[in-house]
């Protein structure tokens, strides 16, 4: 278990990683054996590194630091600071994607919970990140169902199934690639920091 001062430090780092990751699009490079023929090309994964920041703080700071960083992120975004992808403000609660942002809190907590249950191995860290990612999507889909039942679709004029496809199913492959990178980074850093 990490000391309270370390958890506070990790929660601040997690807040900064989540805010910064919101505006950084994730790319993947072509495979090395094709570089001589085509050169190095990057392709967008269709997602940002935001989910990577959420999971990384869980893997490195633990459940409390992960949840605290995401609570701070939501509070900052709801108080008009433009830290969300489309700005900020209290009106964000009526947007379809807000459920996914709310899911960052339990997602980071669950990721941190499982990340510190066993010694840091690639498998355990990957499992903790995937559990956190699935929690985010479960919260997001649940929120979509509620918002569509209440008629809060915001400015979007799409069906519930189209919203689930847009925010979950299409984003999931890119987010899984980001989670793979987070797993490797967390593994290396946990071993370098000896915990």
N, C-alpha and C. Protein backbone atom coordinates (compact mmCIF):
# COMPACT_ATOMS: atom_id res chain seq x y z
N UNK A 1 0.85 -1.19 0.00
CA UNK A 1 0.00 0.00 0.00
C UNK A 1 0.89 1.24 0.00
N UNK A 2 0.53 2.21 -0.80
CA UNK A 2 1.32 3.43 -0.89
C UNK A 2 0.94 4.40 0.21
N UNK A 3 1.91 5.21 0.65
CA UNK A 3 1.66 6.22 1.67
C UNK A 3 0.73 7.29 1.11
N UNK A 4 0.08 8.02 2.02
CA UNK A 4 -0.89 9.04 1.61
C UNK A 4 -0.24 10.13 0.76
N UNK A 5 0.99 10.51 1.09
CA UNK A 5 1.67 11.54 0.30
C UNK A 5 1.95 11.05 -1.12
N UNK A 6 2.32 9.77 -1.25
CA UNK A 6 2.54 9.20 -2.58
C UNK A 6 1.24 9.12 -3.37
N UNK A 7 0.15 8.78 -2.70
CA UNK A 7 -1.14 8.71 -3.38
C UNK A 7 -1.57 10.08 -3.87
N UNK A 8 -1.33 11.11 -3.06
CA UNK A 8 -1.67 12.47 -3.49
C UNK A 8 -0.83 12.88 -4.69
N UNK A 9 0.45 12.56 -4.65
CA UNK A 9 1.33 12.86 -5.78
C UNK A 9 0.86 12.14 -7.04
N UNK A 10 0.55 10.85 -6.91
CA UNK A 10 0.08 10.09 -8.07
C UNK A 10 -1.26 10.60 -8.58
N UNK A 11 -2.11 11.06 -7.68
CA UNK A 11 -3.40 11.59 -8.14
C UNK A 11 -3.20 12.88 -8.94
N UNK A 12 -2.25 13.72 -8.53
CA UNK A 12 -1.96 14.93 -9.31
C UNK A 12 -1.35 14.57 -10.67
N UNK A 13 -0.45 13.59 -10.67
CA UNK A 13 0.14 13.13 -11.93
C UNK A 13 -0.96 12.56 -12.83
N UNK A 14 -1.87 11.78 -12.25
CA UNK A 14 -2.97 11.21 -13.02
C UNK A 14 -3.89 12.26 -13.61
N UNK A 15 -4.13 13.32 -12.84
CA UNK A 15 -4.95 14.42 -13.33
C UNK A 15 -4.28 15.07 -14.55
N UNK A 16 -2.99 15.33 -14.44
CA UNK A 16 -2.26 15.94 -15.56
C UNK A 16 -2.20 15.02 -16.77
N UNK A 17 -2.00 13.72 -16.54
CA UNK A 17 -1.96 12.77 -17.65
C UNK A 17 -3.31 12.68 -18.36
N UNK A 18 -4.39 12.69 -17.58
CA UNK A 18 -5.73 12.61 -18.18
C UNK A 18 -6.03 13.87 -18.98
N UNK A 19 -5.72 15.03 -18.39
CA UNK A 19 -5.96 16.29 -19.11
C UNK A 19 -5.13 16.35 -20.39
N UNK A 20 -3.85 16.03 -20.30
CA UNK A 20 -3.00 16.06 -21.48
C UNK A 20 -3.38 15.03 -22.51
N UNK A 21 -3.73 13.84 -22.05
CA UNK A 21 -4.11 12.76 -22.95
C UNK A 21 -5.40 13.03 -23.70
N UNK A 22 -6.24 13.91 -23.16
CA UNK A 22 -7.50 14.26 -23.81
C UNK A 22 -7.26 14.87 -25.18
N UNK A 23 -6.17 15.57 -25.33
CA UNK A 23 -5.91 16.32 -26.56
C UNK A 23 -4.82 15.71 -27.43
N UNK A 24 -4.32 14.53 -27.06
CA UNK A 24 -3.28 13.85 -27.85
C UNK A 24 -3.88 12.62 -28.53
N UNK A 25 -3.94 12.65 -29.84
CA UNK A 25 -4.48 11.51 -30.57
C UNK A 25 -3.46 10.38 -30.61
N UNK A 26 -3.94 9.15 -30.46
CA UNK A 26 -3.07 7.97 -30.47
C UNK A 26 -2.82 7.50 -31.90
N UNK A 27 -1.57 7.20 -32.20
CA UNK A 27 -1.16 6.71 -33.53
C UNK A 27 -0.38 5.42 -33.36
N UNK A 28 -0.35 4.66 -34.43
CA UNK A 28 0.48 3.46 -34.46
C UNK A 28 1.33 3.54 -35.72
N UNK A 29 2.59 3.14 -35.61
CA UNK A 29 3.51 3.19 -36.75
C UNK A 29 3.43 1.89 -37.54
N UNK A 30 3.86 1.96 -38.79
CA UNK A 30 3.91 0.75 -39.60
C UNK A 30 4.95 -0.20 -39.01
N UNK A 31 4.86 -1.46 -39.39
CA UNK A 31 5.77 -2.47 -38.85
C UNK A 31 7.20 -2.25 -39.35
N UNK A 32 8.20 -2.52 -38.51
CA UNK A 32 9.59 -2.22 -38.87
C UNK A 32 10.07 -2.88 -40.16
N UNK A 33 9.61 -4.09 -40.48
CA UNK A 33 10.10 -4.77 -41.68
C UNK A 33 9.57 -4.14 -42.97
N UNK A 34 8.63 -3.23 -42.87
CA UNK A 34 8.15 -2.53 -44.08
C UNK A 34 8.75 -1.12 -44.21
N UNK A 35 9.59 -0.72 -43.28
CA UNK A 35 10.16 0.62 -43.31
C UNK A 35 11.08 0.83 -44.52
N UNK A 36 11.81 -0.20 -44.92
CA UNK A 36 12.75 -0.03 -46.04
C UNK A 36 12.00 0.18 -47.35
N UNK A 37 10.83 -0.39 -47.48
CA UNK A 37 10.05 -0.24 -48.71
C UNK A 37 9.22 1.04 -48.73
N UNK A 38 8.53 1.31 -47.64
CA UNK A 38 7.55 2.39 -47.61
C UNK A 38 7.95 3.56 -46.72
N UNK A 39 8.95 3.39 -45.89
CA UNK A 39 9.27 4.41 -44.89
C UNK A 39 8.37 4.22 -43.68
N UNK A 40 8.54 5.08 -42.70
CA UNK A 40 7.74 4.99 -41.48
C UNK A 40 6.48 5.83 -41.67
N UNK A 41 5.33 5.18 -41.55
CA UNK A 41 4.04 5.87 -41.65
C UNK A 41 3.26 5.63 -40.37
N UNK A 42 2.53 6.63 -39.96
CA UNK A 42 1.70 6.52 -38.76
C UNK A 42 0.23 6.54 -39.15
N UNK A 43 -0.55 5.71 -38.48
CA UNK A 43 -1.99 5.64 -38.70
C UNK A 43 -2.69 5.94 -37.39
N UNK A 44 -3.74 6.73 -37.46
CA UNK A 44 -4.49 7.08 -36.26
C UNK A 44 -5.27 5.87 -35.75
N UNK A 45 -5.32 5.73 -34.43
CA UNK A 45 -6.13 4.67 -33.81
C UNK A 45 -7.57 5.12 -33.59
N UNK A 46 -7.85 6.39 -33.84
CA UNK A 46 -9.22 6.89 -33.69
C UNK A 46 -9.59 7.24 -32.26
N UNK A 47 -8.62 7.23 -31.35
CA UNK A 47 -8.86 7.57 -29.95
C UNK A 47 -7.73 8.48 -29.47
N UNK A 48 -7.91 9.02 -28.26
CA UNK A 48 -6.84 9.81 -27.65
C UNK A 48 -6.18 8.99 -26.54
N UNK A 49 -5.16 9.57 -25.95
CA UNK A 49 -4.45 8.90 -24.85
C UNK A 49 -5.14 9.12 -23.50
N UNK A 50 -6.32 9.69 -23.49
CA UNK A 50 -7.03 9.98 -22.25
C UNK A 50 -7.23 8.71 -21.42
N UNK A 51 -7.71 7.66 -22.03
CA UNK A 51 -7.95 6.42 -21.29
C UNK A 51 -6.63 5.84 -20.78
N UNK A 52 -5.55 6.11 -21.50
CA UNK A 52 -4.23 5.66 -21.05
C UNK A 52 -3.81 6.34 -19.75
N UNK A 53 -4.10 7.64 -19.64
CA UNK A 53 -3.80 8.36 -18.41
C UNK A 53 -4.60 7.83 -17.23
N UNK A 54 -5.86 7.50 -17.49
CA UNK A 54 -6.73 6.96 -16.44
C UNK A 54 -6.19 5.64 -15.93
N UNK A 55 -5.82 4.74 -16.84
CA UNK A 55 -5.35 3.42 -16.43
C UNK A 55 -3.93 3.45 -15.86
N UNK A 56 -3.10 4.34 -16.39
CA UNK A 56 -1.72 4.40 -15.90
C UNK A 56 -1.66 4.85 -14.45
N UNK A 57 -2.49 5.81 -14.08
CA UNK A 57 -2.46 6.26 -12.69
C UNK A 57 -2.99 5.16 -11.76
N UNK A 58 -3.93 4.36 -12.24
CA UNK A 58 -4.39 3.22 -11.44
C UNK A 58 -3.29 2.20 -11.25
N UNK A 59 -2.55 1.91 -12.32
CA UNK A 59 -1.48 0.91 -12.24
C UNK A 59 -0.30 1.37 -11.40
N UNK A 60 -0.03 2.67 -11.38
CA UNK A 60 1.15 3.17 -10.67
C UNK A 60 0.82 3.75 -9.30
N UNK A 61 -0.34 4.36 -9.16
CA UNK A 61 -0.68 5.02 -7.91
C UNK A 61 -1.66 4.25 -7.03
N UNK A 62 -2.34 3.28 -7.60
CA UNK A 62 -3.29 2.50 -6.82
C UNK A 62 -4.71 3.02 -6.97
N UNK A 63 -5.61 2.34 -6.29
CA UNK A 63 -7.05 2.61 -6.45
C UNK A 63 -7.44 4.00 -5.96
N UNK A 64 -6.94 4.43 -4.81
CA UNK A 64 -7.34 5.73 -4.26
C UNK A 64 -6.80 6.89 -5.10
N UNK A 65 -5.55 6.80 -5.51
CA UNK A 65 -4.97 7.85 -6.34
C UNK A 65 -5.68 7.91 -7.69
N UNK A 66 -6.00 6.75 -8.25
CA UNK A 66 -6.71 6.71 -9.52
C UNK A 66 -8.07 7.37 -9.44
N UNK A 67 -8.85 7.00 -8.44
CA UNK A 67 -10.19 7.57 -8.29
C UNK A 67 -10.12 9.06 -7.98
N UNK A 68 -9.21 9.46 -7.10
CA UNK A 68 -9.09 10.87 -6.73
C UNK A 68 -8.71 11.74 -7.93
N UNK A 69 -7.81 11.25 -8.76
CA UNK A 69 -7.40 12.03 -9.94
C UNK A 69 -8.58 12.22 -10.89
N UNK A 70 -9.43 11.23 -11.03
CA UNK A 70 -10.55 11.34 -11.95
C UNK A 70 -11.69 12.17 -11.37
N UNK A 71 -11.85 12.14 -10.05
CA UNK A 71 -12.82 13.05 -9.41
C UNK A 71 -12.40 14.49 -9.65
N UNK A 72 -11.10 14.76 -9.48
CA UNK A 72 -10.58 16.12 -9.71
C UNK A 72 -10.77 16.52 -11.17
N UNK A 73 -10.57 15.58 -12.08
CA UNK A 73 -10.74 15.86 -13.52
C UNK A 73 -12.19 16.25 -13.82
N UNK A 74 -13.14 15.48 -13.28
CA UNK A 74 -14.56 15.80 -13.51
C UNK A 74 -14.95 17.14 -12.90
N UNK A 75 -14.49 17.40 -11.69
CA UNK A 75 -14.82 18.67 -11.03
C UNK A 75 -14.26 19.84 -11.84
N UNK A 76 -13.03 19.71 -12.30
CA UNK A 76 -12.44 20.79 -13.11
C UNK A 76 -13.24 21.01 -14.39
N UNK A 77 -13.62 19.93 -15.05
CA UNK A 77 -14.36 20.06 -16.30
C UNK A 77 -15.75 20.61 -16.13
N UNK A 78 -16.40 20.26 -15.02
CA UNK A 78 -17.76 20.74 -14.78
C UNK A 78 -17.80 22.18 -14.27
N UNK A 79 -16.65 22.69 -13.84
CA UNK A 79 -16.60 24.08 -13.37
C UNK A 79 -16.02 25.01 -14.45
N UNK A 80 -16.32 24.71 -15.68
CA UNK A 80 -16.04 25.54 -16.85
C UNK A 80 -14.59 25.56 -17.31
N UNK A 81 -13.70 24.79 -16.71
CA UNK A 81 -12.35 24.71 -17.26
C UNK A 81 -12.39 23.78 -18.47
N UNK A 82 -11.83 24.18 -19.58
CA UNK A 82 -11.96 23.39 -20.81
C UNK A 82 -11.03 22.18 -20.86
N UNK A 83 -11.21 21.24 -19.93
CA UNK A 83 -10.35 20.05 -19.88
C UNK A 83 -10.98 18.86 -20.59
N UNK A 84 -12.27 18.92 -20.92
CA UNK A 84 -12.90 17.85 -21.67
C UNK A 84 -12.63 18.06 -23.16
N UNK A 85 -12.85 17.06 -23.95
CA UNK A 85 -12.56 17.14 -25.39
C UNK A 85 -13.33 18.27 -26.08
N UNK A 86 -14.55 18.52 -25.64
CA UNK A 86 -15.37 19.57 -26.24
C UNK A 86 -15.56 20.75 -25.30
N UNK A 87 -14.59 21.03 -24.46
CA UNK A 87 -14.68 22.16 -23.55
C UNK A 87 -14.96 21.73 -22.13
N UNK A 88 -15.99 22.30 -21.54
CA UNK A 88 -16.36 21.98 -20.17
C UNK A 88 -17.64 22.68 -19.79
N UNK A 89 -18.04 22.55 -18.56
CA UNK A 89 -19.25 23.19 -18.07
C UNK A 89 -20.27 22.17 -17.60
N UNK A 90 -21.22 22.64 -16.82
CA UNK A 90 -22.22 21.76 -16.22
C UNK A 90 -23.15 21.16 -17.27
N UNK A 91 -23.29 21.82 -18.41
CA UNK A 91 -24.12 21.29 -19.49
C UNK A 91 -23.60 19.98 -20.06
N UNK A 92 -22.36 19.64 -19.75
CA UNK A 92 -21.75 18.40 -20.23
C UNK A 92 -22.49 17.17 -19.71
N UNK A 93 -23.19 17.31 -18.56
CA UNK A 93 -23.88 16.14 -18.01
C UNK A 93 -25.01 15.66 -18.91
N UNK A 94 -25.48 16.49 -19.80
CA UNK A 94 -26.55 16.07 -20.70
C UNK A 94 -26.02 15.48 -22.01
N UNK A 95 -24.71 15.47 -22.19
CA UNK A 95 -24.14 14.90 -23.39
C UNK A 95 -23.97 13.39 -23.24
N UNK A 96 -24.07 12.71 -24.34
CA UNK A 96 -24.00 11.24 -24.33
C UNK A 96 -22.68 10.72 -23.77
N UNK A 97 -21.57 11.38 -24.09
CA UNK A 97 -20.27 10.88 -23.68
C UNK A 97 -19.93 11.13 -22.22
N UNK A 98 -20.76 11.86 -21.49
CA UNK A 98 -20.44 12.17 -20.09
C UNK A 98 -20.41 10.91 -19.22
N UNK A 99 -21.19 9.92 -19.56
CA UNK A 99 -21.18 8.67 -18.79
C UNK A 99 -19.84 7.99 -18.82
N UNK A 100 -19.15 8.12 -19.95
CA UNK A 100 -17.81 7.54 -20.05
C UNK A 100 -16.83 8.31 -19.16
N UNK A 101 -16.99 9.63 -19.12
CA UNK A 101 -16.14 10.43 -18.23
C UNK A 101 -16.40 10.08 -16.77
N UNK A 102 -17.67 9.88 -16.41
CA UNK A 102 -17.98 9.46 -15.04
C UNK A 102 -17.42 8.07 -14.76
N UNK A 103 -17.37 7.24 -15.78
CA UNK A 103 -16.82 5.90 -15.63
C UNK A 103 -15.33 5.87 -15.36
N UNK A 104 -14.66 7.01 -15.61
CA UNK A 104 -13.23 7.07 -15.29
C UNK A 104 -12.97 6.85 -13.80
N UNK A 105 -13.88 7.30 -12.96
CA UNK A 105 -13.67 7.18 -11.50
C UNK A 105 -13.66 5.71 -11.08
N UNK A 106 -14.75 4.95 -11.32
CA UNK A 106 -14.68 3.53 -10.93
C UNK A 106 -13.69 2.74 -11.79
N UNK A 107 -13.47 3.16 -13.05
CA UNK A 107 -12.51 2.46 -13.89
C UNK A 107 -11.09 2.56 -13.35
N UNK A 108 -10.70 3.76 -12.94
CA UNK A 108 -9.36 3.95 -12.35
C UNK A 108 -9.24 3.22 -11.02
N UNK A 109 -10.33 3.23 -10.24
CA UNK A 109 -10.30 2.55 -8.94
C UNK A 109 -10.13 1.05 -9.12
N UNK A 110 -10.91 0.47 -10.03
CA UNK A 110 -10.83 -0.99 -10.26
C UNK A 110 -9.47 -1.36 -10.84
N UNK A 111 -8.96 -0.54 -11.75
CA UNK A 111 -7.64 -0.80 -12.31
C UNK A 111 -6.58 -0.78 -11.21
N UNK A 112 -6.64 0.22 -10.34
CA UNK A 112 -5.69 0.30 -9.23
C UNK A 112 -5.85 -0.81 -8.22
N UNK A 113 -7.08 -1.23 -8.00
CA UNK A 113 -7.35 -2.32 -7.06
C UNK A 113 -6.68 -3.60 -7.52
N UNK A 114 -6.90 -3.97 -8.79
CA UNK A 114 -6.32 -5.21 -9.30
C UNK A 114 -4.82 -5.10 -9.54
N UNK A 115 -4.33 -3.91 -9.86
CA UNK A 115 -2.90 -3.73 -10.14
C UNK A 115 -2.04 -3.99 -8.92
N UNK A 116 -2.60 -3.78 -7.73
CA UNK A 116 -1.82 -3.96 -6.50
C UNK A 116 -2.23 -5.21 -5.73
N UNK A 117 -3.00 -6.10 -6.36
CA UNK A 117 -3.40 -7.35 -5.71
C UNK A 117 -2.29 -8.40 -5.76
N UNK A 118 -1.42 -8.29 -6.76
CA UNK A 118 -0.35 -9.27 -6.92
C UNK A 118 0.91 -8.54 -7.36
N UNK A 119 1.99 -9.30 -7.45
CA UNK A 119 3.24 -8.72 -7.94
C UNK A 119 3.02 -8.16 -9.34
N UNK A 120 3.71 -7.07 -9.68
CA UNK A 120 3.50 -6.48 -11.01
C UNK A 120 4.09 -7.34 -12.13
N UNK A 121 3.22 -8.06 -12.80
CA UNK A 121 3.60 -8.83 -13.99
C UNK A 121 2.79 -8.28 -15.15
N UNK A 122 3.24 -8.52 -16.36
CA UNK A 122 2.51 -8.02 -17.52
C UNK A 122 1.06 -8.50 -17.52
N UNK A 123 0.86 -9.78 -17.16
CA UNK A 123 -0.50 -10.34 -17.19
C UNK A 123 -1.41 -9.66 -16.18
N UNK A 124 -0.91 -9.44 -14.97
CA UNK A 124 -1.77 -8.85 -13.94
C UNK A 124 -2.06 -7.38 -14.24
N UNK A 125 -1.07 -6.67 -14.77
CA UNK A 125 -1.30 -5.27 -15.12
C UNK A 125 -2.24 -5.15 -16.32
N UNK A 126 -2.09 -6.05 -17.30
CA UNK A 126 -3.01 -6.04 -18.44
C UNK A 126 -4.43 -6.36 -17.99
N UNK A 127 -4.57 -7.34 -17.09
CA UNK A 127 -5.89 -7.69 -16.57
C UNK A 127 -6.51 -6.51 -15.84
N UNK A 128 -5.71 -5.81 -15.03
CA UNK A 128 -6.26 -4.67 -14.28
C UNK A 128 -6.70 -3.55 -15.23
N UNK A 129 -5.91 -3.30 -16.27
CA UNK A 129 -6.28 -2.25 -17.25
C UNK A 129 -7.54 -2.63 -18.02
N UNK A 130 -7.64 -3.88 -18.42
CA UNK A 130 -8.82 -4.31 -19.17
C UNK A 130 -10.06 -4.25 -18.29
N UNK A 131 -9.94 -4.64 -17.02
CA UNK A 131 -11.07 -4.52 -16.10
C UNK A 131 -11.49 -3.06 -15.94
N UNK A 132 -10.51 -2.16 -15.82
CA UNK A 132 -10.82 -0.74 -15.71
C UNK A 132 -11.48 -0.21 -16.97
N UNK A 133 -10.97 -0.62 -18.13
CA UNK A 133 -11.54 -0.18 -19.41
C UNK A 133 -12.98 -0.67 -19.57
N UNK A 134 -13.22 -1.92 -19.23
CA UNK A 134 -14.59 -2.46 -19.32
C UNK A 134 -15.53 -1.76 -18.36
N UNK A 135 -15.03 -1.37 -17.19
CA UNK A 135 -15.84 -0.61 -16.23
C UNK A 135 -16.23 0.74 -16.82
N UNK A 136 -15.29 1.42 -17.46
CA UNK A 136 -15.58 2.71 -18.10
C UNK A 136 -16.69 2.53 -19.14
N UNK A 137 -16.57 1.50 -19.95
CA UNK A 137 -17.58 1.29 -20.99
C UNK A 137 -18.93 0.87 -20.41
N UNK A 138 -18.92 0.08 -19.36
CA UNK A 138 -20.18 -0.30 -18.71
C UNK A 138 -20.89 0.92 -18.15
N UNK A 139 -20.14 1.81 -17.51
CA UNK A 139 -20.73 3.06 -16.98
C UNK A 139 -21.23 3.93 -18.13
N UNK A 140 -20.45 4.02 -19.20
CA UNK A 140 -20.84 4.84 -20.33
C UNK A 140 -22.10 4.35 -21.00
N UNK A 141 -22.20 3.04 -21.21
CA UNK A 141 -23.40 2.47 -21.84
C UNK A 141 -24.60 2.63 -20.92
N UNK A 142 -24.41 2.44 -19.62
CA UNK A 142 -25.52 2.64 -18.67
C UNK A 142 -26.02 4.07 -18.72
N UNK A 143 -25.09 5.02 -18.78
CA UNK A 143 -25.47 6.43 -18.85
C UNK A 143 -26.18 6.74 -20.16
N UNK A 144 -25.73 6.12 -21.25
CA UNK A 144 -26.42 6.31 -22.54
C UNK A 144 -27.86 5.85 -22.45
N UNK A 145 -28.08 4.70 -21.84
CA UNK A 145 -29.45 4.19 -21.70
C UNK A 145 -30.30 5.17 -20.90
N UNK A 146 -29.76 5.69 -19.81
CA UNK A 146 -30.51 6.65 -18.98
C UNK A 146 -30.78 7.94 -19.75
N UNK A 147 -29.76 8.48 -20.43
CA UNK A 147 -29.96 9.74 -21.14
C UNK A 147 -30.96 9.60 -22.28
N UNK A 148 -30.94 8.47 -22.94
CA UNK A 148 -31.91 8.27 -24.02
C UNK A 148 -33.31 8.07 -23.46
N UNK A 149 -33.42 7.45 -22.30
CA UNK A 149 -34.73 7.30 -21.66
C UNK A 149 -35.28 8.65 -21.23
N UNK A 150 -34.40 9.57 -20.80
CA UNK A 150 -34.82 10.90 -20.35
C UNK A 150 -34.88 11.91 -21.50
N UNK A 151 -34.42 11.52 -22.68
CA UNK A 151 -34.43 12.42 -23.82
C UNK A 151 -33.35 13.48 -23.79
N UNK A 152 -32.18 13.15 -23.24
CA UNK A 152 -31.06 14.09 -23.11
C UNK A 152 -30.01 13.88 -24.18
N UNK A 153 -30.32 13.53 -25.37
CA UNK A 153 -29.32 13.19 -26.37
C UNK A 153 -28.41 14.35 -26.73
N UNK A 154 -28.63 15.51 -26.19
CA UNK A 154 -27.79 16.67 -26.50
C UNK A 154 -28.02 17.11 -27.93
N UNK A 155 -26.96 17.41 -28.63
CA UNK A 155 -27.08 17.89 -30.01
C UNK A 155 -27.09 16.74 -31.02
N UNK A 156 -26.87 15.53 -30.54
CA UNK A 156 -26.83 14.39 -31.45
C UNK A 156 -28.24 13.93 -31.80
N UNK A 157 -28.37 13.48 -33.01
CA UNK A 157 -29.65 13.00 -33.47
C UNK A 157 -29.48 11.57 -33.99
N UNK A 158 -28.95 10.69 -33.10
CA UNK A 158 -28.71 9.31 -33.47
C UNK A 158 -29.43 8.40 -32.49
N UNK A 159 -29.62 7.16 -32.89
CA UNK A 159 -30.32 6.20 -32.03
C UNK A 159 -29.38 5.72 -30.91
N UNK A 160 -29.96 5.05 -29.94
CA UNK A 160 -29.18 4.50 -28.82
C UNK A 160 -28.13 3.51 -29.33
N UNK A 161 -28.52 2.63 -30.25
CA UNK A 161 -27.56 1.66 -30.78
C UNK A 161 -26.43 2.34 -31.54
N UNK A 162 -26.73 3.40 -32.27
CA UNK A 162 -25.68 4.14 -32.98
C UNK A 162 -24.74 4.82 -31.99
N UNK A 163 -25.29 5.32 -30.87
CA UNK A 163 -24.45 5.95 -29.85
C UNK A 163 -23.53 4.93 -29.19
N UNK A 164 -24.05 3.74 -28.89
CA UNK A 164 -23.22 2.68 -28.30
C UNK A 164 -22.13 2.27 -29.28
N UNK A 165 -22.49 2.17 -30.56
CA UNK A 165 -21.51 1.84 -31.59
C UNK A 165 -20.43 2.91 -31.67
N UNK A 166 -20.84 4.17 -31.66
CA UNK A 166 -19.90 5.29 -31.79
C UNK A 166 -18.96 5.41 -30.59
N UNK A 167 -19.51 5.35 -29.38
CA UNK A 167 -18.71 5.61 -28.19
C UNK A 167 -18.04 4.39 -27.58
N UNK A 168 -18.56 3.19 -27.86
CA UNK A 168 -17.95 2.00 -27.28
C UNK A 168 -17.31 1.09 -28.31
N UNK A 169 -18.11 0.56 -29.22
CA UNK A 169 -17.60 -0.48 -30.10
C UNK A 169 -16.53 0.01 -31.07
N UNK A 170 -16.69 1.21 -31.61
CA UNK A 170 -15.69 1.73 -32.55
C UNK A 170 -14.43 2.22 -31.83
N UNK A 171 -14.57 2.66 -30.60
CA UNK A 171 -13.42 3.16 -29.84
C UNK A 171 -12.62 2.05 -29.18
N UNK A 172 -13.24 0.91 -28.94
CA UNK A 172 -12.61 -0.16 -28.16
C UNK A 172 -11.30 -0.69 -28.76
N UNK A 173 -11.20 -0.95 -30.06
CA UNK A 173 -9.91 -1.46 -30.57
C UNK A 173 -8.75 -0.49 -30.34
N UNK A 174 -8.95 0.78 -30.59
CA UNK A 174 -7.89 1.76 -30.35
C UNK A 174 -7.55 1.88 -28.88
N UNK A 175 -8.59 1.82 -28.03
CA UNK A 175 -8.34 1.90 -26.59
C UNK A 175 -7.60 0.66 -26.09
N UNK A 176 -7.88 -0.50 -26.67
CA UNK A 176 -7.14 -1.70 -26.28
C UNK A 176 -5.66 -1.59 -26.67
N UNK A 177 -5.37 -0.96 -27.80
CA UNK A 177 -3.97 -0.74 -28.19
C UNK A 177 -3.29 0.20 -27.20
N UNK A 178 -3.99 1.24 -26.77
CA UNK A 178 -3.45 2.17 -25.77
C UNK A 178 -3.22 1.43 -24.45
N UNK A 179 -4.15 0.55 -24.08
CA UNK A 179 -4.02 -0.23 -22.84
C UNK A 179 -2.80 -1.14 -22.91
N UNK A 180 -2.51 -1.70 -24.08
CA UNK A 180 -1.29 -2.52 -24.23
C UNK A 180 -0.04 -1.69 -23.95
N UNK A 181 0.00 -0.48 -24.49
CA UNK A 181 1.14 0.40 -24.24
C UNK A 181 1.24 0.77 -22.76
N UNK A 182 0.09 1.06 -22.14
CA UNK A 182 0.07 1.40 -20.71
C UNK A 182 0.56 0.23 -19.87
N UNK A 183 0.19 -0.98 -20.25
CA UNK A 183 0.63 -2.17 -19.51
C UNK A 183 2.15 -2.28 -19.50
N UNK A 184 2.76 -2.08 -20.65
CA UNK A 184 4.22 -2.19 -20.74
C UNK A 184 4.89 -1.05 -19.96
N UNK A 185 4.38 0.16 -20.11
CA UNK A 185 4.95 1.30 -19.38
C UNK A 185 4.82 1.09 -17.87
N UNK A 186 3.64 0.66 -17.42
CA UNK A 186 3.42 0.43 -15.99
C UNK A 186 4.33 -0.68 -15.47
N UNK A 187 4.51 -1.72 -16.24
CA UNK A 187 5.38 -2.83 -15.84
C UNK A 187 6.81 -2.34 -15.64
N UNK A 188 7.32 -1.59 -16.60
CA UNK A 188 8.69 -1.09 -16.51
C UNK A 188 8.83 -0.12 -15.32
N UNK A 189 7.89 0.81 -15.18
CA UNK A 189 8.00 1.79 -14.11
C UNK A 189 7.83 1.16 -12.73
N UNK A 190 6.93 0.19 -12.59
CA UNK A 190 6.77 -0.46 -11.29
C UNK A 190 8.05 -1.19 -10.89
N UNK A 191 8.75 -1.79 -11.85
CA UNK A 191 10.00 -2.46 -11.52
C UNK A 191 11.13 -1.48 -11.25
N UNK A 192 11.13 -0.36 -11.96
CA UNK A 192 12.15 0.65 -11.70
C UNK A 192 11.97 1.31 -10.33
N UNK A 193 10.71 1.43 -9.90
CA UNK A 193 10.42 2.08 -8.62
C UNK A 193 10.35 1.08 -7.48
N UNK A 194 10.56 -0.18 -7.76
CA UNK A 194 10.61 -1.24 -6.74
C UNK A 194 9.34 -1.38 -5.92
N UNK A 195 8.18 -1.30 -6.57
CA UNK A 195 6.94 -1.61 -5.84
C UNK A 195 5.90 -2.20 -6.76
